[in-house]
Amino acid sequence: MPAIITITFNPALDKSTSVAELVPDKKLKCTSPICEPGGGGINVARAIKKLGGEATAVYLAGGCIGRKITEMLSAEFVETIVIDIREDTRENLVVADITNDKQYLFDMPGPKINEFEWRACLNTIKHIPGVEYIIASGSLPPGVPTDIFARLALIARKKNARLIVDTSGEGLKKAVQEGVYLIKPNLRELASLAGKDELGIESVADVARGLIGKGNCEVVVVSMGALGATLVTKDLAVNIKPPSQHIRSTVGAGDSMVAGIVLGLAGNKSLTEAVQYGVACGTAATMNPGTELCRKENAEHLYRIIQKEVLVPN
């Protein structure tokens, strides 16, 4: 199978717990926390492993939390390349309110990264041989320039590798300006790329094709939550909708979708089949509590159902 690497500039140790009800000014009794290594690219690599594939997670990490993340990835048999940083890696918190069936996500700021550290990450990627898919996913911590994904695009081009970018804000804009293989924006992020405040579902295909027509990317997969995703290329625009499921948590759903898409492409699925599999994986992740990613058996079951659905042109 083609070599896949994922890149995470702002990893985190994700802690999830639950309380009977979230009430202010009251000591709340929490369930025992569940800890998992997190951050966009790390989640993608973990999901690929859960789905039966292999990916190498490249990430910046520091302090005891950084070491804990590496230990946990090793326990999951995920191959890692760690770029050491001076400051401590962050922790995030997910709290489920059982009474109101709501979930609260507390996303902490990342450590400040110096130029030597982020350049070391890029240099490491330059020297990894035989890479065919590079997945850059997640937010940027302080100190990392917003053109870092654009710099990765140049590296990917020289390595003849396909770059998949899943981020937001200026980082996404600059990556698209440089040129990437695939992006996975949501509606808000796609609107921002088009210079609009908001965007209706009916406009997705035209806006995405506008980006593709400029030569900035080949594939746009617009994630739309429970509505699934819209796949757009210069020749194709289809909606892929998953079967309705009870949503327990949306954390990690987007990363699971990306994992499914890339694993599908690496396994010689057609682009449409790969995105169908990605939607199945993303939906499978929502069936699990807290920060748990997709389970292979759920993803495979949903994929079989999705494949039977008639594709709806956009």
C-alpha atoms as a PDB file:
ATOM      1  CA  MET A   1       0.000   0.000   0.000  1.00  0.00           C
ATOM      2  CA  PRO A   2       1.267   3.525  -0.745  1.00  0.00           C
ATOM      3  CA  ALA A   3       3.073   5.249   2.107  1.00  0.00           C
ATOM      4  CA  ILE A   4       0.891   7.682   4.057  1.00  0.00           C
ATOM      5  CA  ILE A   5       2.084  10.307   6.523  1.00  0.00           C
ATOM      6  CA  THR A   6       0.000  12.636   8.635  1.00  0.00           C
ATOM      7  CA  ILE A   7       1.184  15.948  10.077  1.00  0.00           C
ATOM      8  CA  THR A   8      -0.036  17.544  13.296  1.00  0.00           C
ATOM      9  CA  PHE A   9       1.368  20.894  14.378  1.00  0.00           C
ATOM     10  CA  ASN A  10      -0.908  21.246  17.419  1.00  0.00           C
ATOM     11  CA  PRO A  11      -1.532  17.821  18.995  1.00  0.00           C
ATOM     12  CA  ALA A  12      -3.364  17.372  22.276  1.00  0.00           C
ATOM     13  CA  LEU A  13      -4.134  14.846  24.939  1.00  0.00           C
ATOM     14  CA  ASP A  14      -7.915  14.633  24.742  1.00  0.00           C
ATOM     15  CA  LYS A  15      -9.691  13.948  28.031  1.00  0.00           C
ATOM     16  CA  SER A  16     -13.396  13.098  28.006  1.00  0.00           C
ATOM     17  CA  THR A  17     -15.711  12.767  30.972  1.00  0.00           C
ATOM     18  CA  SER A  18     -19.384  13.216  31.840  1.00  0.00           C
ATOM     19  CA  VAL A  19     -21.473  14.826  34.576  1.00  0.00           C
ATOM     20  CA  ALA A  20     -25.099  14.357  35.557  1.00  0.00           C
ATOM     21  CA  GLU A  21     -25.778  17.971  34.583  1.00  0.00           C
ATOM     22  CA  LEU A  22     -23.586  20.976  33.889  1.00  0.00           C
ATOM     23  CA  VAL A  23     -24.537  23.519  36.568  1.00  0.00           C
ATOM     24  CA  PRO A  24     -22.619  26.745  37.356  1.00  0.00           C
ATOM     25  CA  ASP A  25     -21.075  27.436  40.767  1.00  0.00           C
ATOM     26  CA  LYS A  26     -21.457  23.852  41.900  1.00  0.00           C
ATOM     27  CA  LYS A  27     -18.937  21.097  42.492  1.00  0.00           C
ATOM     28  CA  LEU A  28     -19.728  18.547  39.800  1.00  0.00           C
ATOM     29  CA  LYS A  29     -18.946  14.856  40.154  1.00  0.00           C
ATOM     30  CA  CYS A  30     -17.270  13.592  36.987  1.00  0.00           C
ATOM     31  CA  THR A  31     -16.919  10.062  35.685  1.00  0.00           C
ATOM     32  CA  SER A  32     -13.399   8.677  35.378  1.00  0.00           C
ATOM     33  CA  PRO A  33     -11.784  10.503  32.442  1.00  0.00           C
ATOM     34  CA  ILE A  34     -10.838   8.677  29.273  1.00  0.00           C
ATOM     35  CA  CYS A  35      -7.598   9.912  27.726  1.00  0.00           C
ATOM     36  CA  GLU A  36      -6.684   9.582  24.064  1.00  0.00           C
ATOM     37  CA  PRO A  37      -3.983  11.097  21.846  1.00  0.00           C
ATOM     38  CA  GLY A  38      -5.533  13.745  19.623  1.00  0.00           C
ATOM     39  CA  GLY A  39      -5.073  16.516  17.119  1.00  0.00           C
ATOM     40  CA  GLY A  40      -6.085  16.367  13.453  1.00  0.00           C
ATOM     41  CA  GLY A  41      -3.283  14.378  11.857  1.00  0.00           C
ATOM     42  CA  ILE A  42      -2.814  12.113  14.870  1.00  0.00           C
ATOM     43  CA  ASN A  43      -6.515  11.255  14.790  1.00  0.00           C
ATOM     44  CA  VAL A  44      -6.301  10.514  11.064  1.00  0.00           C
ATOM     45  CA  ALA A  45      -3.329   8.167  11.578  1.00  0.00           C
ATOM     46  CA  ARG A  46      -5.117   6.430  14.464  1.00  0.00           C
ATOM     47  CA  ALA A  47      -8.298   6.027  12.427  1.00  0.00           C
ATOM     48  CA  ILE A  48      -6.347   4.597   9.472  1.00  0.00           C
ATOM     49  CA  LYS A  49      -4.822   2.048  11.848  1.00  0.00           C
ATOM     50  CA  LYS A  50      -8.251   1.159  13.264  1.00  0.00           C
ATOM     51  CA  LEU A  51      -9.495   0.625   9.716  1.00  0.00           C
ATOM     52  CA  GLY A  52      -6.700  -1.821   8.948  1.00  0.00           C
ATOM     53  CA  GLY A  53      -4.247   0.511   7.216  1.00  0.00           C
ATOM     54  CA  GLU A  54      -0.873   1.994   8.083  1.00  0.00           C
ATOM     55  CA  ALA A  55       0.163   5.629   8.441  1.00  0.00           C
ATOM     56  CA  THR A  56       3.073   7.428  10.068  1.00  0.00           C
ATOM     57  CA  ALA A  57       2.113  10.279  12.391  1.00  0.00           C
ATOM     58  CA  VAL A  58       4.546  13.213  12.289  1.00  0.00           C
ATOM     59  CA  TYR A  59       3.946  15.746  15.050  1.00  0.00           C
ATOM     60  CA  LEU A  60       5.435  18.331  17.397  1.00  0.00           C
ATOM     61  CA  ALA A  61       5.440  17.322  21.071  1.00  0.00           C
ATOM     62  CA  GLY A  62       6.921  18.481  24.341  1.00  0.00           C
ATOM     63  CA  GLY A  63       6.863  17.812  28.072  1.00  0.00           C
ATOM     64  CA  CYS A  64       5.162  14.985  29.932  1.00  0.00           C
ATOM     65  CA  ILE A  65       1.967  15.345  27.896  1.00  0.00           C
ATOM     66  CA  GLY A  66       3.923  14.993  24.667  1.00  0.00           C
ATOM     67  CA  ARG A  67       5.611  11.868  25.996  1.00  0.00           C
ATOM     68  CA  LYS A  68       2.251  10.488  27.094  1.00  0.00           C
ATOM     69  CA  ILE A  69       0.845  10.953  23.577  1.00  0.00           C
ATOM     70  CA  THR A  70       3.800   9.092  22.067  1.00  0.00           C
ATOM     71  CA  GLU A  71       3.431   6.251  24.573  1.00  0.00           C
ATOM     72  CA  MET A  72      -0.280   5.926  23.786  1.00  0.00           C
ATOM     73  CA  LEU A  73       0.326   5.907  20.035  1.00  0.00           C
ATOM     74  CA  SER A  74       2.972   3.243  20.497  1.00  0.00           C
ATOM     75  CA  ALA A  75       0.451   1.159  22.446  1.00  0.00           C
ATOM     76  CA  GLU A  76      -1.891   1.424  19.445  1.00  0.00           C
ATOM     77  CA  PHE A  77       0.975   0.393  17.113  1.00  0.00           C
ATOM     78  CA  VAL A  78       0.865   3.682  15.234  1.00  0.00           C
ATOM     79  CA  GLU A  79       4.249   4.555  13.746  1.00  0.00           C
ATOM     80  CA  THR A  80       5.454   7.982  14.852  1.00  0.00           C
ATOM     81  CA  ILE A  81       8.083  10.596  14.049  1.00  0.00           C
ATOM     82  CA  VAL A  82       8.287  13.135  16.867  1.00  0.00           C
ATOM     83  CA  ILE A  83       9.770  16.618  16.610  1.00  0.00           C
ATOM     84  CA  ASP A  84      10.679  17.710  20.131  1.00  0.00           C
ATOM     85  CA  ILE A  85       9.622  21.177  21.317  1.00  0.00           C
ATOM     86  CA  ARG A  86      10.542  23.153  24.429  1.00  0.00           C
ATOM     87  CA  GLU A  87       7.040  23.907  25.706  1.00  0.00           C
ATOM     88  CA  ASP A  88       4.443  21.425  26.936  1.00  0.00           C
ATOM     89  CA  THR A  89       1.875  19.911  24.597  1.00  0.00           C
ATOM     90  CA  ARG A  90      -1.691  20.933  25.438  1.00  0.00           C
ATOM     91  CA  GLU A  91      -4.613  19.023  26.944  1.00  0.00           C
ATOM     92  CA  ASN A  92      -8.228  19.349  25.757  1.00  0.00           C
ATOM     93  CA  LEU A  93     -11.397  18.493  27.656  1.00  0.00           C
ATOM     94  CA  VAL A  94     -14.730  17.087  26.476  1.00  0.00           C
ATOM     95  CA  VAL A  95     -17.592  17.073  28.991  1.00  0.00           C
ATOM     96  CA  ALA A  96     -20.908  15.341  28.342  1.00  0.00           C
ATOM     97  CA  ASP A  97     -24.005  16.677  30.117  1.00  0.00           C
ATOM     98  CA  ILE A  98     -26.103  13.535  30.587  1.00  0.00           C
ATOM     99  CA  THR A  99     -29.361  15.205  31.653  1.00  0.00           C
ATOM    100  CA  ASN A 100     -29.515  17.586  28.698  1.00  0.00           C
ATOM    101  CA  ASP A 101     -27.816  15.258  26.205  1.00  0.00           C
ATOM    102  CA  LYS A 102     -25.274  17.945  25.288  1.00  0.00           C
ATOM    103  CA  GLN A 103     -21.530  17.897  24.852  1.00  0.00           C
ATOM    104  CA  TYR A 104     -19.092  20.700  25.671  1.00  0.00           C
ATOM    105  CA  LEU A 105     -15.678  20.950  24.028  1.00  0.00           C
ATOM    106  CA  PHE A 106     -12.923  22.881  25.792  1.00  0.00           C
ATOM    107  CA  ASP A 107     -10.133  23.481  23.268  1.00  0.00           C
ATOM    108  CA  MET A 108      -6.956  24.741  24.923  1.00  0.00           C
ATOM    109  CA  PRO A 109      -4.353  26.958  23.225  1.00  0.00           C
ATOM    110  CA  GLY A 110      -1.271  25.194  22.012  1.00  0.00           C
ATOM    111  CA  PRO A 111       2.326  25.795  23.103  1.00  0.00           C
ATOM    112  CA  LYS A 112       4.377  28.486  21.405  1.00  0.00           C
ATOM    113  CA  ILE A 113       6.488  26.946  18.646  1.00  0.00           C
ATOM    114  CA  ASN A 114       9.761  28.570  17.657  1.00  0.00           C
ATOM    115  CA  GLU A 115      11.124  28.774  14.115  1.00  0.00           C
ATOM    116  CA  PHE A 116      13.734  26.081  14.668  1.00  0.00           C
ATOM    117  CA  GLU A 117      10.994  23.636  15.727  1.00  0.00           C
ATOM    118  CA  TRP A 118       8.566  24.144  12.846  1.00  0.00           C
ATOM    119  CA  ARG A 119      11.394  24.202  10.320  1.00  0.00           C
ATOM    120  CA  ALA A 120      12.660  20.924  11.790  1.00  0.00           C
ATOM    121  CA  CYS A 121       9.234  19.452  11.097  1.00  0.00           C
ATOM    122  CA  LEU A 122       9.321  20.536   7.444  1.00  0.00           C
ATOM    123  CA  ASN A 123      12.882  19.252   7.006  1.00  0.00           C
ATOM    124  CA  THR A 124      11.885  15.905   8.488  1.00  0.00           C
ATOM    125  CA  ILE A 125       9.034  15.569   5.988  1.00  0.00           C
ATOM    126  CA  LYS A 126      11.355  16.459   3.103  1.00  0.00           C
ATOM    127  CA  HIS A 127      13.570  13.483   3.926  1.00  0.00           C
ATOM    128  CA  ILE A 128      10.909  10.790   4.397  1.00  0.00           C
ATOM    129  CA  PRO A 129      11.257   8.514   1.339  1.00  0.00           C
ATOM    130  CA  GLY A 130       8.512   6.968  -0.763  1.00  0.00           C
ATOM    131  CA  VAL A 131       5.610   9.075   0.465  1.00  0.00           C
ATOM    132  CA  GLU A 132       2.531   9.127  -1.771  1.00  0.00           C
ATOM    133  CA  TYR A 133      -0.059  10.743   0.512  1.00  0.00           C
ATOM    134  CA  ILE A 134       0.577  13.627   2.922  1.00  0.00           C
ATOM    135  CA  ILE A 135      -2.310  14.603   5.215  1.00  0.00           C
ATOM    136  CA  ALA A 136      -1.947  17.935   7.006  1.00  0.00           C
ATOM    137  CA  SER A 137      -4.770  18.361   9.470  1.00  0.00           C
ATOM    138  CA  GLY A 138      -5.693  20.460  12.481  1.00  0.00           C
ATOM    139  CA  SER A 139      -5.075  23.913  13.910  1.00  0.00           C
ATOM    140  CA  LEU A 140      -1.844  25.873  14.155  1.00  0.00           C
ATOM    141  CA  PRO A 141      -0.294  26.730  17.531  1.00  0.00           C
ATOM    142  CA  PRO A 142       1.260  30.131  18.246  1.00  0.00           C
ATOM    143  CA  GLY A 143       4.517  30.711  16.393  1.00  0.00           C
ATOM    144  CA  VAL A 144       3.795  28.537  13.369  1.00  0.00           C
ATOM    145  CA  PRO A 145       3.340  30.728  10.255  1.00  0.00           C
ATOM    146  CA  THR A 146      -0.017  30.568   8.493  1.00  0.00           C
ATOM    147  CA  ASP A 147       1.711  29.678   5.215  1.00  0.00           C
ATOM    148  CA  ILE A 148       2.999  26.397   6.664  1.00  0.00           C
ATOM    149  CA  PHE A 149       0.490  24.349   4.645  1.00  0.00           C
ATOM    150  CA  ALA A 150       1.528  26.224   1.502  1.00  0.00           C
ATOM    151  CA  ARG A 151       5.140  25.291   2.270  1.00  0.00           C
ATOM    152  CA  LEU A 152       3.993  21.692   2.608  1.00  0.00           C
ATOM    153  CA  ALA A 153       2.353  21.974  -0.810  1.00  0.00           C
ATOM    154  CA  LEU A 154       5.742  22.805  -2.329  1.00  0.00           C
ATOM    155  CA  ILE A 155       7.335  19.837  -0.560  1.00  0.00           C
ATOM    156  CA  ALA A 156       4.544  17.512  -1.719  1.00  0.00           C
ATOM    157  CA  ARG A 157       4.964  18.692  -5.306  1.00  0.00           C
ATOM    158  CA  LYS A 158       8.693  17.943  -5.237  1.00  0.00           C
ATOM    159  CA  LYS A 159       8.012  14.507  -3.756  1.00  0.00           C
ATOM    160  CA  ASN A 160       5.244  13.839  -6.296  1.00  0.00           C
ATOM    161  CA  ALA A 161       2.903  13.167  -3.371  1.00  0.00           C
ATOM    162  CA  ARG A 162      -0.769  14.006  -3.022  1.00  0.00           C
ATOM    163  CA  LEU A 163      -1.389  16.613  -0.312  1.00  0.00           C
ATOM    164  CA  ILE A 164      -4.702  16.555   1.567  1.00  0.00           C
ATOM    165  CA  VAL A 165      -5.346  19.589   3.769  1.00  0.00           C
ATOM    166  CA  ASP A 166      -8.007  19.760   6.479  1.00  0.00           C
ATOM    167  CA  THR A 167      -7.711  23.036   8.343  1.00  0.00           C
ATOM    168  CA  SER A 168      -9.355  26.462   8.426  1.00  0.00           C
ATOM    169  CA  GLY A 169      -8.702  30.197   8.311  1.00  0.00           C
ATOM    170  CA  GLU A 170      -5.614  31.713   6.740  1.00  0.00           C
ATOM    171  CA  GLY A 171      -3.797  28.399   6.733  1.00  0.00           C
ATOM    172  CA  LEU A 172      -6.414  26.886   4.422  1.00  0.00           C
ATOM    173  CA  LYS A 173      -6.539  29.958   2.183  1.00  0.00           C
ATOM    174  CA  LYS A 174      -2.776  30.014   1.663  1.00  0.00           C
ATOM    175  CA  ALA A 175      -2.655  26.271   1.047  1.00  0.00           C
ATOM    176  CA  VAL A 176      -5.292  26.549  -1.656  1.00  0.00           C
ATOM    177  CA  GLN A 177      -3.480  29.489  -3.235  1.00  0.00           C
ATOM    178  CA  GLU A 178      -0.344  27.337  -3.529  1.00  0.00           C
ATOM    179  CA  GLY A 179      -2.245  24.291  -4.787  1.00  0.00           C
ATOM    180  CA  VAL A 180      -3.193  20.988  -3.142  1.00  0.00           C
ATOM    181  CA  TYR A 181      -4.770  17.712  -4.215  1.00  0.00           C
ATOM    182  CA  LEU A 182      -7.794  17.656  -1.890  1.00  0.00           C
ATOM    183  CA  ILE A 183      -9.399  19.883   0.720  1.00  0.00           C
ATOM    184  CA  LYS A 184     -12.248  19.037   3.115  1.00  0.00           C
ATOM    185  CA  PRO A 185     -13.907  22.286   4.161  1.00  0.00           C
ATOM    186  CA  ASN A 186     -17.271  22.605   5.844  1.00  0.00           C
ATOM    187  CA  LEU A 187     -19.839  25.086   4.526  1.00  0.00           C
ATOM    188  CA  ARG A 188     -18.468  27.958   6.608  1.00  0.00           C
ATOM    189  CA  GLU A 189     -14.886  27.303   5.514  1.00  0.00           C
ATOM    190  CA  LEU A 190     -15.892  26.985   1.853  1.00  0.00           C
ATOM    191  CA  ALA A 191     -17.745  30.294   2.106  1.00  0.00           C
ATOM    192  CA  SER A 192     -14.647  31.926   3.552  1.00  0.00           C
ATOM    193  CA  LEU A 193     -12.513  30.609   0.689  1.00  0.00           C
ATOM    194  CA  ALA A 194     -14.991  32.176  -1.724  1.00  0.00           C
ATOM    195  CA  GLY A 195     -14.970  35.509   0.125  1.00  0.00           C
ATOM    196  CA  LYS A 196     -18.556  35.103   1.305  1.00  0.00           C
ATOM    197  CA  ASP A 197     -20.102  35.393   4.760  1.00  0.00           C
ATOM    198  CA  GLU A 198     -22.274  32.314   4.293  1.00  0.00           C
ATOM    199  CA  LEU A 199     -23.133  29.727   1.705  1.00  0.00           C
ATOM    200  CA  GLY A 200     -26.236  27.674   0.942  1.00  0.00           C
ATOM    201  CA  ILE A 201     -26.017  23.987   0.087  1.00  0.00           C
ATOM    202  CA  GLU A 202     -27.346  24.720  -3.408  1.00  0.00           C
ATOM    203  CA  SER A 203     -24.220  26.817  -4.143  1.00  0.00           C
ATOM    204  CA  VAL A 204     -21.630  24.289  -3.000  1.00  0.00           C
ATOM    205  CA  ALA A 205     -20.832  22.733  -6.376  1.00  0.00           C
ATOM    206  CA  ASP A 206     -20.442  26.059  -8.206  1.00  0.00           C
ATOM    207  CA  VAL A 207     -18.197  27.551  -5.514  1.00  0.00           C
ATOM    208  CA  ALA A 208     -16.063  24.418  -5.270  1.00  0.00           C
ATOM    209  CA  ARG A 209     -15.709  24.250  -9.050  1.00  0.00           C
ATOM    210  CA  GLY A 210     -14.585  27.867  -8.999  1.00  0.00           C
ATOM    211  CA  LEU A 211     -11.657  26.873  -6.776  1.00  0.00           C
ATOM    212  CA  ILE A 212     -10.863  23.858  -8.938  1.00  0.00           C
ATOM    213  CA  GLY A 213     -11.084  25.939 -12.112  1.00  0.00           C
ATOM    214  CA  LYS A 214      -8.345  28.233 -10.833  1.00  0.00           C
ATOM    215  CA  GLY A 215      -6.054  25.223 -10.631  1.00  0.00           C
ATOM    216  CA  ASN A 216      -5.810  25.507  -6.858  1.00  0.00           C
ATOM    217  CA  CYS A 217      -6.975  21.972  -6.065  1.00  0.00           C
ATOM    218  CA  GLU A 218      -8.264  18.871  -7.819  1.00  0.00           C
ATOM    219  CA  VAL A 219     -10.865  17.645  -5.346  1.00  0.00           C
ATOM    220  CA  VAL A 220     -13.147  19.400  -2.870  1.00  0.00           C
ATOM    221  CA  VAL A 221     -15.072  17.326  -0.336  1.00  0.00           C
ATOM    222  CA  VAL A 222     -17.488  19.558   1.550  1.00  0.00           C
ATOM    223  CA  SER A 223     -18.480  18.032   4.889  1.00  0.00           C
ATOM    224  CA  MET A 224     -22.037  18.778   5.969  1.00  0.00           C
ATOM    225  CA  GLY A 225     -22.498  16.929   9.239  1.00  0.00           C
ATOM    226  CA  ALA A 226     -25.500  14.610   9.310  1.00  0.00           C
ATOM    227  CA  LEU A 227     -26.153  15.442   5.634  1.00  0.00           C
ATOM    228  CA  GLY A 228     -22.914  13.697   4.679  1.00  0.00           C
ATOM    229  CA  ALA A 229     -20.672  15.333   2.095  1.00  0.00           C
ATOM    230  CA  THR A 230     -20.582  16.735  -1.413  1.00  0.00           C
ATOM    231  CA  LEU A 231     -17.779  15.531  -3.673  1.00  0.00           C
ATOM    232  CA  VAL A 232     -16.753  17.999  -6.368  1.00  0.00           C
ATOM    233  CA  THR A 233     -14.185  17.687  -9.151  1.00  0.00           C
ATOM    234  CA  LYS A 234     -14.020  19.429 -12.533  1.00  0.00           C
ATOM    235  CA  ASP A 235     -16.190  16.637 -13.996  1.00  0.00           C
ATOM    236  CA  LEU A 236     -18.273  15.500 -11.042  1.00  0.00           C
ATOM    237  CA  ALA A 237     -20.507  16.847  -8.286  1.00  0.00           C
ATOM    238  CA  VAL A 238     -22.479  14.395  -6.153  1.00  0.00           C
ATOM    239  CA  ASN A 239     -24.037  14.354  -2.718  1.00  0.00           C
ATOM    240  CA  ILE A 240     -23.212  11.375  -0.513  1.00  0.00           C
ATOM    241  CA  LYS A 241     -25.635  11.012   2.382  1.00  0.00           C
ATOM    242  CA  PRO A 242     -25.220   8.504   5.209  1.00  0.00           C
ATOM    243  CA  PRO A 243     -28.065   6.583   6.853  1.00  0.00           C
ATOM    244  CA  SER A 244     -29.525   8.317   9.892  1.00  0.00           C
ATOM    245  CA  GLN A 245     -27.804   7.407  13.167  1.00  0.00           C
ATOM    246  CA  HIS A 246     -28.078   8.499  16.779  1.00  0.00           C
ATOM    247  CA  ILE A 247     -25.224  10.949  17.274  1.00  0.00           C
ATOM    248  CA  ARG A 248     -23.339  10.444  20.527  1.00  0.00           C
ATOM    249  CA  SER A 249     -20.350  12.684  19.744  1.00  0.00           C
ATOM    250  CA  THR A 250     -19.046  14.565  16.720  1.00  0.00           C
ATOM    251  CA  VAL A 251     -15.460  14.737  17.998  1.00  0.00           C
ATOM    252  CA  GLY A 252     -13.140  13.018  15.531  1.00  0.00           C
ATOM    253  CA  ALA A 253     -15.808  12.551  12.859  1.00  0.00           C
ATOM    254  CA  GLY A 254     -14.041  14.792  10.346  1.00  0.00           C
ATOM    255  CA  ASP A 255     -10.696  13.119  10.987  1.00  0.00           C
ATOM    256  CA  SER A 256     -12.305   9.695  10.557  1.00  0.00           C
ATOM    257  CA  MET A 257     -13.792  10.874   7.254  1.00  0.00           C
ATOM    258  CA  VAL A 258     -10.384  11.977   5.987  1.00  0.00           C
ATOM    259  CA  ALA A 259      -8.878   8.660   7.106  1.00  0.00           C
ATOM    260  CA  GLY A 260     -11.500   6.738   5.166  1.00  0.00           C
ATOM    261  CA  ILE A 261     -11.041   8.820   2.018  1.00  0.00           C
ATOM    262  CA  VAL A 262      -7.253   8.446   1.968  1.00  0.00           C
ATOM    263  CA  LEU A 263      -7.321   4.763   2.863  1.00  0.00           C
ATOM    264  CA  GLY A 264      -9.870   4.228   0.092  1.00  0.00           C
ATOM    265  CA  LEU A 265      -7.697   6.021  -2.459  1.00  0.00           C
ATOM    266  CA  ALA A 266      -4.603   4.152  -1.309  1.00  0.00           C
ATOM    267  CA  GLY A 267      -6.547   0.894  -1.695  1.00  0.00           C
ATOM    268  CA  ASN A 268      -7.418   1.724  -5.326  1.00  0.00           C
ATOM    269  CA  LYS A 269     -11.028   2.653  -4.741  1.00  0.00           C
ATOM    270  CA  SER A 270     -12.452   5.158  -7.201  1.00  0.00           C
ATOM    271  CA  LEU A 271     -12.697   8.725  -5.935  1.00  0.00           C
ATOM    272  CA  THR A 272     -16.457   8.391  -5.445  1.00  0.00           C
ATOM    273  CA  GLU A 273     -16.060   5.088  -3.592  1.00  0.00           C
ATOM    274  CA  ALA A 274     -13.302   6.572  -1.423  1.00  0.00           C
ATOM    275  CA  VAL A 275     -15.503   9.498  -0.388  1.00  0.00           C
ATOM    276  CA  GLN A 276     -18.419   7.127   0.237  1.00  0.00           C
ATOM    277  CA  TYR A 277     -16.130   5.152   2.524  1.00  0.00           C
ATOM    278  CA  GLY A 278     -14.980   8.391   4.164  1.00  0.00           C
ATOM    279  CA  VAL A 279     -18.582   9.410   4.880  1.00  0.00           C
ATOM    280  CA  ALA A 280     -19.179   5.958   6.360  1.00  0.00           C
ATOM    281  CA  CYS A 281     -16.129   6.339   8.616  1.00  0.00           C
ATOM    282  CA  GLY A 282     -17.126   9.842   9.716  1.00  0.00           C
ATOM    283  CA  THR A 283     -20.647   8.670  10.532  1.00  0.00           C
ATOM    284  CA  ALA A 284     -19.277   5.647  12.384  1.00  0.00           C
ATOM    285  CA  ALA A 285     -17.286   7.988  14.640  1.00  0.00           C
ATOM    286  CA  THR A 286     -20.472   9.837  15.688  1.00  0.00           C
ATOM    287  CA  MET A 287     -21.891   6.580  17.021  1.00  0.00           C
ATOM    288  CA  ASN A 288     -19.260   6.508  19.789  1.00  0.00           C
ATOM    289  CA  PRO A 289     -19.023   8.646  22.939  1.00  0.00           C
ATOM    290  CA  GLY A 290     -16.391  11.244  23.812  1.00  0.00           C
ATOM    291  CA  THR A 291     -13.325  11.379  21.613  1.00  0.00           C
ATOM    292  CA  GLU A 292     -13.473   7.797  20.336  1.00  0.00           C
ATOM    293  CA  LEU A 293     -12.860   7.480  16.604  1.00  0.00           C
ATOM    294  CA  CYS A 294     -14.601   5.212  14.093  1.00  0.00           C
ATOM    295  CA  ARG A 295     -14.779   1.461  14.518  1.00  0.00           C
ATOM    296  CA  LYS A 296     -14.023  -0.644  11.458  1.00  0.00           C
ATOM    297  CA  GLU A 297     -17.079  -2.889  11.760  1.00  0.00           C
ATOM    298  CA  ASN A 298     -19.440   0.100  11.942  1.00  0.00           C
ATOM    299  CA  ALA A 299     -17.698   1.852   9.036  1.00  0.00           C
ATOM    300  CA  GLU A 300     -17.874  -1.245   6.827  1.00  0.00           C
ATOM    301  CA  HIS A 301     -21.574  -1.752   7.613  1.00  0.00           C
ATOM    302  CA  LEU A 302     -22.427   1.881   6.806  1.00  0.00           C
ATOM    303  CA  TYR A 303     -20.316   1.774   3.646  1.00  0.00           C
ATOM    304  CA  ARG A 304     -22.320  -1.166   2.304  1.00  0.00           C
ATOM    305  CA  ILE A 305     -25.545   0.769   2.907  1.00  0.00           C
ATOM    306  CA  ILE A 306     -24.211   3.961   1.301  1.00  0.00           C
ATOM    307  CA  GLN A 307     -23.029   2.068  -1.779  1.00  0.00           C
ATOM    308  CA  LYS A 308     -26.595   0.914  -2.422  1.00  0.00           C
ATOM    309  CA  GLU A 309     -27.911   4.484  -2.479  1.00  0.00           C
ATOM    310  CA  VAL A 310     -28.419   6.260  -5.769  1.00  0.00           C
ATOM    311  CA  LEU A 311     -25.905   9.103  -6.106  1.00  0.00           C
ATOM    312  CA  VAL A 312     -27.627  12.479  -6.322  1.00  0.00           C
ATOM    313  CA  PRO A 313     -25.931  14.962  -8.708  1.00  0.00           C
ATOM    314  CA  ASN A 314     -25.409  18.425  -7.274  1.00  0.00           C
END
